[in-house]
Amino acid sequence: MESAYRKIIHIDMDAFYASVEQLDFPELKGKPIAVGGGEIRGVVSAASYEARKFGVKSAMSGALAKKNCPELIFVKPRFDRYKEISRIIRSIFLEYTDLVEPLSLDEAFLDVTINKKNAQSATLLASEIRAKIYEKTGLTASAGISVNKFLAKIASDYNKPNGQKTINPDEISDFLDRLDVKRFFGIGKKTADKMYHLGIFTGADLKSKSLEFLEIHFKNSGSHYYQISRGISNSIVVPDRLPKSLGAERTFENNITSEVFLEDKLRWIAQEVSLRLKKRDVSGKTITLKLKYSDFTLQTRSMSYPYFINDEAILFEEAKKLLYQSGLNNSVRLIGIQVSNLNIYKNKQPMYIQLRLDL
């Protein structure tokens, strides 16, 4: 008898970039490492679990990471190697189902409601997939299993690293009711802090609020929060979902009043955007600079180019031009870079330019 529920698995590799480095270079095993730029003007792209114990995390400046963990070892990213292993992992997924939606090189959703193994248990399939990943790559993965993508994503983070969790249909309500809202997939720190101020700390608190209340306080997202507090999510697994844009931004503890000081922040953000573009193996023709001022007004400045870009140095130089395009309206609390018009379609072949450096 066919199940009334979908069976969704979310597979998430454990500290993927860092784990690959520790796999290929055994002398790094058990040591705190950060993949990304160094401590001078660098940004952490990924951190090993040994480094995370010291509060080192992705998108953190290299200087702060080194301050938190003086023994931290910086390792330059090797995207070709990460892609090579990612292709192996993807081939394993496709042994079980064609409904695979990659989110990045190291995580994906799988719809195994109907699968190539004719298996009834998604939990056993997840265990088998994780074992096969370890057998073929030497790397561990965590998994979440449930009736939709939202719940599977939450579950995969529950027993990390190298673990898995299943949320069965009859467990959904109790599980979400007890869960801190900051652990809800899609609720970031800023939204969680706002919920805390409204007295919403757990899923049960969120579920107790009316749809009208949530729409008043969270606008268009209110109906979404109303649904997910009840475990309702109708988003299907879409193979090879293509992003429309990729970017990164940073909010400052203290507002910044000078373009000169914003340049340093832009350099970090350009590096992070470059890492994200290369992680997805894409480039873009349009660069947008995002500025949020101390009065919360938002300003964007964009420029399109005849060539595709994903190089960190070029991103920084072009974003800097946009920064100086006109004066600041006020002190700045947030700055970001977004790259769009990506070469993700077959009729868009990437073109690259060589950055000229004066030596």
Protein backbone atom coordinates (compact mmCIF):
# COMPACT_ATOMS: atom_id res chain seq x y z
CA MET A 1 0.00 0.00 0.00
CA GLU A 2 1.40 3.40 -1.00
CA SER A 3 2.18 5.77 1.85
CA ALA A 4 0.01 8.87 2.27
CA TYR A 5 3.18 10.79 3.13
CA ARG A 6 6.20 11.67 1.10
CA LYS A 7 9.54 10.28 2.26
CA ILE A 8 12.23 12.94 2.12
CA ILE A 9 15.88 12.55 3.09
CA HIS A 10 18.24 15.46 3.61
CA ILE A 11 21.90 14.46 3.41
CA ASP A 12 24.46 16.92 4.76
CA MET A 13 28.18 16.18 4.68
CA ASP A 14 29.97 16.85 7.98
CA ALA A 15 32.24 19.94 7.79
CA PHE A 16 32.77 19.02 4.15
CA TYR A 17 35.64 21.26 3.01
CA ALA A 18 37.54 20.85 6.27
CA SER A 19 36.92 17.10 6.34
CA VAL A 20 38.27 16.72 2.79
CA GLU A 21 41.44 18.53 3.83
CA GLN A 22 41.84 16.29 6.88
CA LEU A 23 41.21 13.24 4.71
CA ASP A 24 43.82 14.17 2.11
CA PHE A 25 46.35 15.47 4.64
CA PRO A 26 46.37 13.13 7.66
CA GLU A 27 48.64 15.50 9.60
CA LEU A 28 45.60 17.81 9.90
CA LYS A 29 43.37 15.19 11.53
CA GLY A 30 42.21 16.14 15.00
CA LYS A 31 43.45 19.70 14.58
CA PRO A 32 41.44 22.93 14.34
CA ILE A 33 41.51 24.04 10.72
CA ALA A 34 39.76 26.75 8.73
CA VAL A 35 39.32 26.59 4.97
CA GLY A 36 39.46 30.01 3.37
CA GLY A 37 41.56 33.14 3.55
CA GLY A 38 44.21 33.60 6.20
CA GLU A 39 44.04 35.71 9.30
CA ILE A 40 44.95 38.88 7.42
CA ARG A 41 41.93 40.15 5.45
CA GLY A 42 40.63 36.60 5.07
CA VAL A 43 37.23 35.04 5.63
CA VAL A 44 36.53 31.53 6.92
CA SER A 45 34.63 29.46 4.40
CA ALA A 46 34.44 26.28 6.50
CA ALA A 47 35.76 25.11 9.86
CA SER A 48 36.57 21.68 11.25
CA TYR A 49 34.67 20.48 14.31
CA GLU A 50 37.83 20.95 16.34
CA ALA A 51 37.80 24.63 15.37
CA ARG A 52 34.07 25.04 15.94
CA LYS A 53 34.57 24.23 19.62
CA PHE A 54 36.33 27.60 19.84
CA GLY A 55 33.49 29.45 18.10
CA VAL A 56 35.12 29.49 14.66
CA LYS A 57 32.46 29.42 11.95
CA SER A 58 31.91 30.21 8.28
CA ALA A 59 31.80 33.87 7.18
CA MET A 60 33.89 34.86 10.23
CA SER A 61 36.91 37.05 9.58
CA GLY A 62 40.21 35.24 9.71
CA ALA A 63 41.47 37.66 12.34
CA LEU A 64 38.59 36.94 14.71
CA ALA A 65 38.86 33.20 14.06
CA LYS A 66 42.56 33.26 14.98
CA LYS A 67 41.76 35.30 18.08
CA ASN A 68 39.16 32.73 19.17
CA CYS A 69 41.49 29.83 18.38
CA PRO A 70 45.21 30.74 18.45
CA GLU A 71 46.16 27.22 17.26
CA LEU A 72 43.94 27.53 14.17
CA ILE A 73 45.49 26.30 10.91
CA PHE A 74 44.37 28.08 7.71
CA VAL A 75 44.06 25.98 4.55
CA LYS A 76 43.43 27.32 1.06
CA PRO A 77 40.29 25.89 -0.59
CA ARG A 78 40.68 23.32 -3.39
CA PHE A 79 37.39 23.50 -5.25
CA ASP A 80 38.34 21.02 -7.95
CA ARG A 81 38.87 18.40 -5.25
CA TYR A 82 35.59 19.25 -3.51
CA LYS A 83 33.73 19.00 -6.81
CA GLU A 84 35.37 15.65 -7.57
CA ILE A 85 34.12 14.17 -4.30
CA SER A 86 30.74 15.86 -4.68
CA ARG A 87 30.27 14.08 -8.03
CA ILE A 88 30.94 10.74 -6.34
CA ILE A 89 28.37 11.54 -3.67
CA ARG A 90 25.82 12.64 -6.28
CA SER A 91 26.30 9.38 -8.17
CA ILE A 92 25.45 7.50 -4.97
CA PHE A 93 22.24 9.52 -4.56
CA LEU A 94 21.21 8.67 -8.12
CA GLU A 95 21.48 4.97 -7.35
CA TYR A 96 18.42 5.45 -5.13
CA THR A 97 16.31 8.12 -6.84
CA ASP A 98 16.38 10.61 -9.70
CA LEU A 99 14.61 13.14 -7.50
CA VAL A 100 17.76 14.74 -6.08
CA GLU A 101 17.84 18.47 -5.32
CA PRO A 102 21.38 19.66 -4.56
CA LEU A 103 21.62 22.71 -2.32
CA SER A 104 25.40 22.92 -2.66
CA LEU A 105 28.37 20.60 -3.15
CA ASP A 106 27.83 19.06 0.28
CA GLU A 107 24.08 18.72 0.81
CA ALA A 108 20.97 17.63 -1.04
CA PHE A 109 17.34 16.59 -0.67
CA LEU A 110 16.25 13.17 -1.93
CA ASP A 111 12.64 12.16 -2.48
CA VAL A 112 12.59 8.39 -1.91
CA THR A 113 8.82 7.96 -1.68
CA ILE A 114 9.22 5.78 -4.75
CA ASN A 115 12.82 4.66 -5.09
CA LYS A 116 15.03 2.48 -7.26
CA LYS A 117 15.57 -0.05 -4.45
CA ASN A 118 11.82 -0.55 -3.92
CA ALA A 119 12.52 -0.02 -0.21
CA GLN A 120 9.76 0.95 2.21
CA SER A 121 11.93 2.43 4.96
CA ALA A 122 13.48 5.84 4.23
CA THR A 123 15.36 5.54 7.53
CA LEU A 124 17.14 2.38 6.40
CA LEU A 125 17.84 3.93 3.01
CA ALA A 126 19.45 6.95 4.68
CA SER A 127 21.69 4.66 6.74
CA GLU A 128 22.66 2.74 3.62
CA ILE A 129 23.44 5.94 1.70
CA ARG A 130 25.60 7.29 4.53
CA ALA A 131 27.49 4.00 4.76
CA LYS A 132 28.11 3.99 1.01
CA ILE A 133 29.35 7.59 1.09
CA TYR A 134 31.84 6.64 3.79
CA GLU A 135 32.91 3.52 1.88
CA LYS A 136 33.57 5.40 -1.36
CA THR A 137 34.95 8.69 -0.01
CA GLY A 138 36.12 8.11 3.57
CA LEU A 139 33.90 11.01 4.68
CA THR A 140 30.94 11.02 7.06
CA ALA A 141 27.49 12.46 6.42
CA SER A 142 24.46 13.20 8.55
CA ALA A 143 20.87 12.68 7.49
CA GLY A 144 17.39 13.86 8.36
CA ILE A 145 14.32 11.90 7.34
CA SER A 146 10.72 13.09 7.41
CA VAL A 147 7.62 13.86 5.36
CA ASN A 148 8.81 17.16 3.84
CA LYS A 149 11.97 19.15 3.13
CA PHE A 150 11.51 21.54 6.06
CA LEU A 151 11.42 18.77 8.64
CA ALA A 152 14.16 16.71 6.98
CA LYS A 153 16.49 19.73 7.00
CA ILE A 154 15.91 20.31 10.71
CA ALA A 155 16.38 16.62 11.48
CA SER A 156 19.73 16.34 9.65
CA ASP A 157 21.25 18.89 12.00
CA TYR A 158 19.92 17.18 15.11
CA ASN A 159 22.51 14.42 15.55
CA LYS A 160 25.53 15.90 13.77
CA PRO A 161 28.17 14.83 13.07
CA ASN A 162 27.85 11.35 11.56
CA GLY A 163 24.31 10.73 12.75
CA GLN A 164 20.74 10.80 11.57
CA LYS A 165 17.27 11.43 12.88
CA THR A 166 13.83 10.46 11.64
CA ILE A 167 10.75 12.53 12.45
CA ASN A 168 7.77 10.24 11.88
CA PRO A 169 4.33 11.72 11.09
CA ASP A 170 3.00 11.04 14.59
CA GLU A 171 6.05 12.73 16.16
CA ILE A 172 5.95 16.01 14.24
CA SER A 173 3.79 18.04 16.60
CA ASP A 174 5.62 17.10 19.80
CA PHE A 175 9.03 17.53 18.15
CA LEU A 176 8.31 21.02 16.83
CA ASP A 177 6.54 22.14 19.99
CA ARG A 178 9.70 21.53 22.05
CA LEU A 179 12.13 22.94 19.50
CA ASP A 180 13.71 26.37 19.96
CA VAL A 181 12.57 28.60 17.09
CA LYS A 182 16.20 29.43 16.25
CA ARG A 183 16.58 25.79 15.13
CA PHE A 184 13.71 26.09 12.63
CA PHE A 185 15.08 25.89 9.09
CA GLY A 186 14.70 29.34 7.53
CA ILE A 187 14.55 31.32 10.78
CA GLY A 188 17.78 33.27 11.11
CA LYS A 189 19.27 35.00 14.11
CA LYS A 190 17.57 38.35 13.45
CA THR A 191 14.12 36.77 13.10
CA ALA A 192 14.70 34.51 16.11
CA ASP A 193 15.67 37.54 18.23
CA LYS A 194 12.48 39.32 17.14
CA MET A 195 10.44 36.26 18.07
CA TYR A 196 12.12 36.10 21.48
CA HIS A 197 11.12 39.73 22.11
CA LEU A 198 7.54 38.78 21.25
CA GLY A 199 7.63 35.92 23.75
CA ILE A 200 8.02 33.24 21.07
CA PHE A 201 10.73 30.85 22.19
CA THR A 202 9.56 27.41 21.05
CA GLY A 203 7.52 25.86 18.30
CA ALA A 204 4.61 25.64 20.72
CA ASP A 205 4.83 29.40 21.33
CA LEU A 206 4.89 30.02 17.59
CA LYS A 207 1.92 27.71 16.99
CA SER A 208 -0.08 29.52 19.67
CA LYS A 209 0.01 32.78 17.71
CA SER A 210 -2.78 33.53 15.29
CA LEU A 211 -2.19 34.01 11.59
CA GLU A 212 -3.23 37.65 11.96
CA PHE A 213 -0.66 38.22 14.74
CA LEU A 214 2.15 36.69 12.68
CA GLU A 215 1.25 38.68 9.56
CA ILE A 216 1.19 41.92 11.55
CA HIS A 217 4.66 41.30 12.98
CA PHE A 218 6.31 39.38 10.12
CA LYS A 219 4.43 40.67 7.06
CA ASN A 220 4.48 38.22 4.15
CA SER A 221 6.50 35.67 6.12
CA GLY A 222 3.75 35.41 8.74
CA SER A 223 1.75 32.78 6.87
CA HIS A 224 4.92 30.75 6.30
CA TYR A 225 5.70 30.71 10.04
CA TYR A 226 2.09 29.78 10.76
CA GLN A 227 2.42 26.76 8.46
CA ILE A 228 5.84 25.50 9.54
CA SER A 229 4.94 25.69 13.24
CA ARG A 230 2.46 22.95 12.31
CA GLY A 231 5.00 21.03 10.23
CA ILE A 232 3.30 21.99 6.97
CA SER A 233 5.54 22.56 3.96
CA ASN A 234 4.50 21.77 0.40
CA SER A 235 7.82 22.50 -1.30
CA ILE A 236 8.69 19.56 -3.52
CA VAL A 237 12.12 18.15 -4.34
CA VAL A 238 13.20 19.81 -7.58
CA PRO A 239 16.23 18.27 -9.31
CA ASP A 240 18.98 20.71 -10.27
CA ARG A 241 17.34 23.86 -8.93
CA LEU A 242 19.10 26.86 -10.44
CA PRO A 243 19.81 29.97 -8.36
CA LYS A 244 18.97 33.40 -9.76
CA SER A 245 21.70 35.12 -7.78
CA LEU A 246 24.34 34.55 -5.13
CA GLY A 247 25.70 37.00 -2.60
CA ALA A 248 26.78 37.78 0.93
CA GLU A 249 26.35 40.67 3.33
CA ARG A 250 27.51 41.80 6.73
CA THR A 251 25.85 43.84 9.49
CA PHE A 252 28.21 45.89 11.65
CA GLU A 253 28.17 46.21 15.42
CA ASN A 254 28.85 49.93 15.00
CA ASN A 255 27.67 52.04 12.07
CA ILE A 256 30.37 53.08 9.59
CA THR A 257 30.50 56.61 8.19
CA SER A 258 33.41 56.43 5.73
CA GLU A 259 33.82 54.65 2.40
CA VAL A 260 37.47 54.03 3.31
CA PHE A 261 36.50 51.86 6.28
CA LEU A 262 33.82 50.13 4.22
CA GLU A 263 36.50 49.00 1.75
CA ASP A 264 37.92 46.50 4.25
CA LYS A 265 34.48 45.01 4.80
CA LEU A 266 33.91 44.80 1.05
CA ARG A 267 37.12 42.82 0.61
CA TRP A 268 35.92 40.16 3.07
CA ILE A 269 32.49 40.00 1.44
CA ALA A 270 33.96 39.76 -2.07
CA GLN A 271 35.99 36.76 -0.94
CA GLU A 272 32.93 35.06 0.53
CA VAL A 273 30.85 35.73 -2.61
CA SER A 274 33.65 34.36 -4.76
CA LEU A 275 33.79 31.21 -2.63
CA ARG A 276 30.03 30.73 -2.95
CA LEU A 277 30.08 31.22 -6.72
CA LYS A 278 32.94 28.77 -7.16
CA LYS A 279 31.23 26.32 -4.83
CA ARG A 280 28.28 26.27 -7.26
CA ASP A 281 30.60 26.47 -10.29
CA VAL A 282 28.89 29.60 -11.64
CA SER A 283 29.78 33.18 -12.56
CA GLY A 284 27.66 36.28 -13.12
CA LYS A 285 27.47 39.39 -15.30
CA THR A 286 25.70 41.75 -12.88
CA ILE A 287 27.14 43.00 -9.59
CA THR A 288 24.90 44.77 -7.09
CA LEU A 289 26.15 46.65 -4.06
CA LYS A 290 23.67 46.72 -1.18
CA LEU A 291 23.79 49.45 1.48
CA LYS A 292 21.52 49.62 4.49
CA TYR A 293 21.80 52.87 6.42
CA SER A 294 21.43 53.56 10.13
CA ASP A 295 17.84 54.74 9.53
CA PHE A 296 17.17 51.31 7.89
CA THR A 297 16.70 52.76 4.41
CA LEU A 298 18.07 50.50 1.70
CA GLN A 299 20.05 51.52 -1.36
CA THR A 300 21.36 49.35 -4.20
CA ARG A 301 23.82 50.21 -6.95
CA SER A 302 24.27 47.83 -9.88
CA MET A 303 26.45 47.39 -12.93
CA SER A 304 26.33 44.77 -15.70
CA TYR A 305 29.34 43.60 -17.69
CA PRO A 306 29.88 41.84 -21.03
CA TYR A 307 31.77 39.01 -19.31
CA PHE A 308 31.11 36.58 -16.47
CA ILE A 309 32.81 37.16 -13.13
CA ASN A 310 33.53 35.02 -10.08
CA ASP A 311 37.06 36.12 -9.23
CA GLU A 312 37.47 37.60 -5.76
CA ALA A 313 39.80 40.43 -6.82
CA ILE A 314 37.57 41.53 -9.69
CA LEU A 315 34.45 41.39 -7.51
CA PHE A 316 36.17 43.58 -4.95
CA GLU A 317 37.38 46.15 -7.49
CA GLU A 318 33.99 46.43 -9.21
CA ALA A 319 32.09 46.63 -5.91
CA LYS A 320 34.50 49.34 -4.77
CA LYS A 321 33.67 51.36 -7.90
CA LEU A 322 29.99 51.10 -7.01
CA LEU A 323 30.77 52.17 -3.44
CA TYR A 324 32.37 55.39 -4.67
CA GLN A 325 29.75 55.95 -7.38
CA SER A 326 28.05 58.53 -5.17
CA GLY A 327 28.26 59.76 -1.60
CA LEU A 328 26.74 57.93 1.36
CA ASN A 329 23.29 59.08 2.45
CA ASN A 330 23.94 58.27 6.10
CA SER A 331 26.10 56.05 8.29
CA VAL A 332 26.02 52.42 7.13
CA ARG A 333 24.88 49.46 9.25
CA LEU A 334 25.01 46.75 6.53
CA ILE A 335 26.82 46.24 3.27
CA GLY A 336 26.53 43.38 0.79
CA ILE A 337 27.46 42.17 -2.68
CA GLN A 338 25.12 40.20 -4.92
CA VAL A 339 26.01 38.63 -8.26
CA SER A 340 23.18 37.86 -10.69
CA ASN A 341 22.64 37.13 -14.40
CA LEU A 342 24.44 33.84 -13.78
CA ASN A 343 25.77 31.50 -16.46
CA ILE A 344 23.47 28.68 -15.42
CA TYR A 345 21.72 28.15 -18.73
CA LYS A 346 23.01 26.18 -21.68
CA ASN A 347 23.04 29.18 -23.98
CA LYS A 348 25.28 31.10 -21.59
CA GLN A 349 28.84 29.91 -21.80
CA PRO A 350 31.27 31.45 -19.31
CA MET A 351 33.91 33.92 -20.46
CA TYR A 352 36.75 34.85 -18.18
CA ILE A 353 39.06 37.86 -18.09
CA GLN A 354 42.52 38.11 -16.66
CA LEU A 355 42.90 40.71 -13.95
CA ARG A 356 45.82 42.99 -14.69
CA LEU A 357 48.11 43.55 -11.73
CA ASP A 358 50.73 46.27 -11.65
CA LEU A 359 53.85 44.85 -10.02
